[in-house]
Amino acid sequence: MTDDEMIHCDEPGKQIERLRAIMHRLRAPGGCPWDAEQTHESIISNMIEEAYECVDAIRSGDDAHMREELGDLLLQVVFHSEIAEERGGFDFYQVAAEISDKLVRRHPHVFGETSAEDSDQVLKQWDAIKRTEKGEKEVPYLHGTGKGLPALIRANKLLKKASKAGFDWPEEAGVVSKIREELGELESAIAGKNASEVEEELGDLFFSVVNLARYRKIDPEVLMAAANKKFEHRFGAMELELKAGGKSLEQSTLGEMENAWLTVKERGM
């Protein structure tokens, strides 16, 4: 099948090949000028944006939206693979082969002869295999963990990995006590009017709160997304409450805003 035929192919089992053919055509002479100009570096922001949009679609529970955003994310993988193939680096098949090999290698309890009775054992085994693969026995245990991730996600990842090594509170009360301790240190820094110390202690407090989420097996990103959504919804309801009283946000005092906020909160908004 020629590239032109593949581009218009509707066979379900050949859609990856179709996507690759389309991407190749876009980058080829006479294709799309914008696509042809892109480099690995120039589309980094696109990949980040598509990843977050995909997460939002997953949280929405809308299958059509999720399907679309997963496609956009897949496009980024195909795009980078096409660029790499053009410069003689690697191609999409090698990307797929490498992740397939990795999945088989890191699941010996499924494809090999070891066993893992629960998820915790699976994760410990995964981490041990990963360290062996990368030759990390002589480097710090947390070396490279979550490098490049947003800070909140990386904090959770660091804490999870430390926990696998046994560095964890035996009881949740210890985690909560640590939060109180960090809050006290933050208050002392604020009282001392030491700006750099306030920043450091505020970071420690954030980190301790993330640890509580991790301890309860709750994703802090999910928590923050829910908190953001609640705040946005309640703020909008407060704005409508003020408008019902004949005032805009700009015309309202802080006291009026607080009263409207409490009103909508009592309504369960």
Protein backbone atom coordinates (compact mmCIF):
# COMPACT_ATOMS: atom_id res chain seq x y z
CA MET A 1 0.00 0.00 0.00
CA THR A 2 1.43 3.40 -1.01
CA ASP A 3 1.66 6.32 1.42
CA ASP A 4 -1.24 8.08 -0.32
CA GLU A 5 -3.37 4.94 -0.05
CA MET A 6 -2.39 4.51 3.60
CA ILE A 7 -3.37 8.11 4.42
CA HIS A 8 -6.92 7.33 3.29
CA CYS A 9 -7.03 3.81 4.79
CA ASP A 10 -9.95 3.09 7.14
CA GLU A 11 -8.92 -0.39 8.33
CA PRO A 12 -8.90 -0.40 12.19
CA GLY A 13 -5.70 -2.44 12.42
CA LYS A 14 -3.71 -0.05 10.26
CA GLN A 15 -4.45 3.29 11.92
CA ILE A 16 -1.00 3.59 13.52
CA GLU A 17 0.55 3.15 10.07
CA ARG A 18 -1.92 5.69 8.71
CA LEU A 19 -0.95 8.20 11.41
CA ARG A 20 2.75 7.70 10.64
CA ALA A 21 2.11 8.16 6.91
CA ILE A 22 0.20 11.39 7.56
CA MET A 23 2.99 12.72 9.79
CA HIS A 24 5.58 11.80 7.17
CA ARG A 25 3.61 13.61 4.47
CA LEU A 26 3.23 16.72 6.65
CA ARG A 27 7.00 16.89 7.17
CA ALA A 28 7.95 16.06 3.57
CA PRO A 29 8.69 18.65 0.86
CA GLY A 30 5.42 20.19 -0.28
CA GLY A 31 3.78 19.32 3.03
CA CYS A 32 2.90 21.68 5.85
CA PRO A 33 5.44 24.51 6.40
CA TRP A 34 4.71 24.68 10.14
CA ASP A 35 5.09 20.94 10.73
CA ALA A 36 8.26 20.85 8.64
CA GLU A 37 9.88 23.61 10.72
CA GLN A 38 9.40 21.91 14.09
CA THR A 39 12.20 20.36 16.16
CA HIS A 40 12.22 18.25 19.31
CA GLU A 41 12.75 21.41 21.36
CA SER A 42 10.12 23.55 19.63
CA ILE A 43 7.25 21.16 20.45
CA ILE A 44 8.14 20.47 24.08
CA SER A 45 5.44 22.88 25.25
CA ASN A 46 2.93 21.13 22.97
CA MET A 47 3.65 17.80 24.62
CA ILE A 48 3.25 19.26 28.11
CA GLU A 49 0.01 20.99 27.15
CA GLU A 50 -1.42 17.87 25.51
CA ALA A 51 -0.53 15.76 28.57
CA TYR A 52 -2.42 18.11 30.89
CA GLU A 53 -5.38 18.33 28.53
CA CYS A 54 -5.46 14.53 28.44
CA VAL A 55 -5.52 14.41 32.24
CA ASP A 56 -8.41 16.89 32.29
CA ALA A 57 -10.32 14.75 29.77
CA ILE A 58 -9.78 11.64 31.91
CA ARG A 59 -11.12 13.44 34.95
CA SER A 60 -14.16 14.63 32.99
CA GLY A 61 -15.31 11.05 32.41
CA ASP A 62 -16.24 11.98 28.84
CA ASP A 63 -15.11 9.13 26.57
CA ALA A 64 -15.30 11.18 23.36
CA HIS A 65 -13.19 13.94 24.91
CA MET A 66 -10.75 11.40 26.35
CA ARG A 67 -10.40 9.66 22.97
CA GLU A 68 -9.63 12.97 21.26
CA GLU A 69 -7.04 14.05 23.82
CA LEU A 70 -5.34 10.64 23.89
CA GLY A 71 -5.03 10.99 20.12
CA ASP A 72 -3.44 14.43 20.50
CA LEU A 73 -0.96 12.96 22.99
CA LEU A 74 -0.18 10.03 20.69
CA LEU A 75 0.50 12.53 17.91
CA GLN A 76 3.31 14.01 20.00
CA VAL A 77 5.00 10.60 20.23
CA VAL A 78 4.66 10.07 16.49
CA PHE A 79 5.86 13.63 15.80
CA HIS A 80 9.04 13.20 17.87
CA SER A 81 9.65 9.76 16.35
CA GLU A 82 9.36 11.18 12.83
CA ILE A 83 11.83 13.97 13.62
CA ALA A 84 14.25 11.46 15.15
CA GLU A 85 13.95 9.11 12.15
CA GLU A 86 14.76 11.97 9.77
CA ARG A 87 18.04 12.65 11.58
CA GLY A 88 18.92 8.94 11.82
CA GLY A 89 18.24 8.67 15.56
CA PHE A 90 15.39 6.19 16.03
CA ASP A 91 11.92 5.49 14.69
CA PHE A 92 8.46 4.80 16.07
CA TYR A 93 8.94 1.02 15.87
CA GLN A 94 11.97 1.26 18.11
CA VAL A 95 10.00 3.37 20.60
CA ALA A 96 7.24 0.75 20.66
CA ALA A 97 9.70 -2.14 20.85
CA GLU A 98 11.61 -0.59 23.75
CA ILE A 99 8.52 -0.01 25.90
CA SER A 100 7.27 -3.52 25.07
CA ASP A 101 10.59 -5.05 26.11
CA LYS A 102 10.59 -2.96 29.29
CA LEU A 103 7.08 -4.06 30.26
CA VAL A 104 7.97 -7.73 29.83
CA ARG A 105 11.26 -7.32 31.69
CA ARG A 106 9.72 -5.46 34.62
CA HIS A 107 6.81 -7.88 35.03
CA PRO A 108 8.62 -11.17 35.73
CA HIS A 109 5.68 -12.18 37.94
CA VAL A 110 3.56 -12.21 34.75
CA PHE A 111 6.00 -13.11 31.99
CA GLY A 112 8.70 -14.86 34.04
CA GLU A 113 9.02 -17.16 37.02
CA THR A 114 8.89 -14.79 40.02
CA SER A 115 5.77 -13.97 42.03
CA ALA A 116 4.21 -10.83 43.49
CA GLU A 117 1.22 -11.17 45.78
CA ASP A 118 0.11 -7.53 45.87
CA SER A 119 0.68 -4.09 44.37
CA ASP A 120 3.32 -3.14 46.95
CA GLN A 121 5.45 -6.14 46.00
CA VAL A 122 5.00 -5.31 42.32
CA LEU A 123 6.21 -1.74 42.86
CA LYS A 124 9.22 -2.80 44.95
CA GLN A 125 10.17 -5.36 42.32
CA TRP A 126 9.71 -2.79 39.54
CA ASP A 127 11.98 -0.34 41.33
CA ALA A 128 14.67 -2.97 42.00
CA ILE A 129 14.69 -4.04 38.34
CA LYS A 130 14.80 -0.41 37.21
CA ARG A 131 17.83 0.34 39.40
CA THR A 132 19.62 -2.74 38.10
CA GLU A 133 18.88 -1.78 34.48
CA LYS A 134 20.25 1.71 34.93
CA GLY A 135 23.25 0.61 36.98
CA GLU A 136 22.13 2.74 39.91
CA LYS A 137 23.36 0.54 42.77
CA GLU A 138 26.20 2.95 43.48
CA VAL A 139 24.23 6.21 43.20
CA PRO A 140 21.87 7.80 45.77
CA TYR A 141 18.57 5.96 46.09
CA LEU A 142 16.49 8.98 45.05
CA HIS A 143 18.82 9.93 42.20
CA GLY A 144 16.85 11.17 39.19
CA THR A 145 13.46 10.39 40.72
CA GLY A 146 10.76 12.33 38.88
CA LYS A 147 13.28 14.64 37.25
CA GLY A 148 11.47 17.16 35.05
CA LEU A 149 8.07 16.65 36.70
CA PRO A 150 6.08 19.55 38.15
CA ALA A 151 7.11 20.10 41.79
CA LEU A 152 3.90 18.80 43.38
CA ILE A 153 3.95 15.56 41.40
CA ARG A 154 7.68 15.10 42.01
CA ALA A 155 7.25 15.59 45.78
CA ASN A 156 4.71 12.78 45.82
CA LYS A 157 7.00 10.56 43.75
CA LEU A 158 10.00 11.23 46.00
CA LEU A 159 7.99 10.43 49.12
CA LYS A 160 6.61 7.23 47.60
CA LYS A 161 10.07 6.02 46.67
CA ALA A 162 11.47 6.87 50.12
CA SER A 163 8.60 4.91 51.65
CA LYS A 164 9.54 1.84 49.60
CA ALA A 165 12.94 1.94 51.33
CA GLY A 166 11.20 1.90 54.72
CA PHE A 167 11.60 5.62 55.40
CA ASP A 168 8.06 6.32 56.51
CA TRP A 169 5.96 7.10 59.54
CA PRO A 170 4.62 3.97 61.29
CA GLU A 171 1.32 5.78 61.94
CA GLU A 172 -0.61 8.61 60.33
CA ALA A 173 -0.46 10.58 63.59
CA GLY A 174 3.26 11.13 62.96
CA VAL A 175 2.53 12.69 59.57
CA VAL A 176 -0.09 15.02 61.06
CA SER A 177 2.27 15.95 63.91
CA LYS A 178 4.93 16.86 61.35
CA ILE A 179 2.49 19.19 59.60
CA ARG A 180 1.81 20.94 62.92
CA GLU A 181 5.55 21.20 63.54
CA GLU A 182 6.16 22.75 60.10
CA LEU A 183 3.25 25.15 60.58
CA GLY A 184 4.73 26.27 63.89
CA GLU A 185 8.12 26.86 62.26
CA LEU A 186 6.43 28.86 59.50
CA GLU A 187 4.62 31.03 62.04
CA SER A 188 7.94 31.68 63.83
CA ALA A 189 9.57 32.66 60.54
CA ILE A 190 6.72 35.04 59.76
CA ALA A 191 6.97 36.57 63.24
CA GLY A 192 10.71 37.00 62.70
CA LYS A 193 10.05 38.73 59.37
CA ASN A 194 12.72 36.64 57.66
CA ALA A 195 11.57 36.40 54.03
CA SER A 196 13.95 33.64 52.93
CA GLU A 197 13.13 31.58 56.02
CA VAL A 198 9.40 32.03 55.40
CA GLU A 199 9.82 30.66 51.87
CA GLU A 200 11.80 27.68 53.12
CA GLU A 201 9.33 26.84 55.89
CA LEU A 202 6.36 27.30 53.57
CA GLY A 203 7.97 24.79 51.21
CA ASP A 204 8.49 22.37 54.11
CA LEU A 205 4.83 22.73 55.05
CA PHE A 206 3.72 22.02 51.47
CA PHE A 207 5.97 18.97 51.39
CA SER A 208 4.53 17.64 54.66
CA VAL A 209 0.95 18.09 53.43
CA VAL A 210 1.83 16.19 50.24
CA ASN A 211 3.19 13.44 52.48
CA LEU A 212 -0.17 13.16 54.26
CA ALA A 213 -1.89 12.75 50.88
CA ARG A 214 0.69 10.13 49.91
CA TYR A 215 0.23 8.33 53.23
CA ARG A 216 -3.52 8.12 52.57
CA LYS A 217 -2.85 6.94 49.00
CA ILE A 218 -4.46 10.05 47.54
CA ASP A 219 -2.90 11.77 44.54
CA PRO A 220 -2.15 15.39 45.59
CA GLU A 221 -2.71 16.54 42.01
CA VAL A 222 -6.24 15.13 42.17
CA LEU A 223 -6.80 16.87 45.51
CA MET A 224 -5.60 20.20 44.14
CA ALA A 225 -7.71 19.83 41.02
CA ALA A 226 -10.79 19.25 43.18
CA ALA A 227 -9.91 22.18 45.47
CA ASN A 228 -9.37 24.44 42.45
CA LYS A 229 -12.71 23.42 40.99
CA LYS A 230 -14.50 24.00 44.31
CA PHE A 231 -12.94 27.43 44.73
CA GLU A 232 -13.77 28.45 41.17
CA HIS A 233 -17.38 27.29 41.57
CA ARG A 234 -17.85 28.95 44.96
CA PHE A 235 -16.22 32.20 43.81
CA GLY A 236 -18.59 32.29 40.84
CA ALA A 237 -21.56 31.69 43.13
CA MET A 238 -20.32 34.49 45.41
CA GLU A 239 -20.14 36.81 42.41
CA LEU A 240 -23.73 35.99 41.48
CA GLU A 241 -24.80 36.57 45.09
CA LEU A 242 -23.23 40.01 45.03
CA LYS A 243 -24.88 40.82 41.70
CA ALA A 244 -28.24 39.78 43.15
CA GLY A 245 -27.64 42.44 45.78
CA GLY A 246 -26.96 45.04 43.12
CA LYS A 247 -23.15 45.08 43.30
CA SER A 248 -20.29 43.87 41.14
CA LEU A 249 -17.06 42.39 42.50
CA GLU A 250 -15.28 45.69 41.91
CA GLN A 251 -17.95 47.61 43.84
CA SER A 252 -17.99 45.25 46.82
CA THR A 253 -15.97 45.54 50.00
CA LEU A 254 -14.01 42.63 51.42
CA GLY A 255 -16.62 42.31 54.19
CA GLU A 256 -19.43 42.06 51.63
CA MET A 257 -17.50 39.44 49.71
CA GLU A 258 -16.93 37.41 52.87
CA ASN A 259 -20.63 37.54 53.76
CA ALA A 260 -21.61 36.43 50.25
CA TRP A 261 -18.96 33.68 50.42
CA LEU A 262 -20.39 32.34 53.69
CA THR A 263 -23.90 32.51 52.27
CA VAL A 264 -23.10 30.36 49.25
CA LYS A 265 -21.00 28.02 51.40
CA GLU A 266 -23.96 27.42 53.72
CA ARG A 267 -26.01 26.52 50.64
CA GLY A 268 -23.52 23.77 49.94
CA MET A 269 -22.01 25.44 46.89
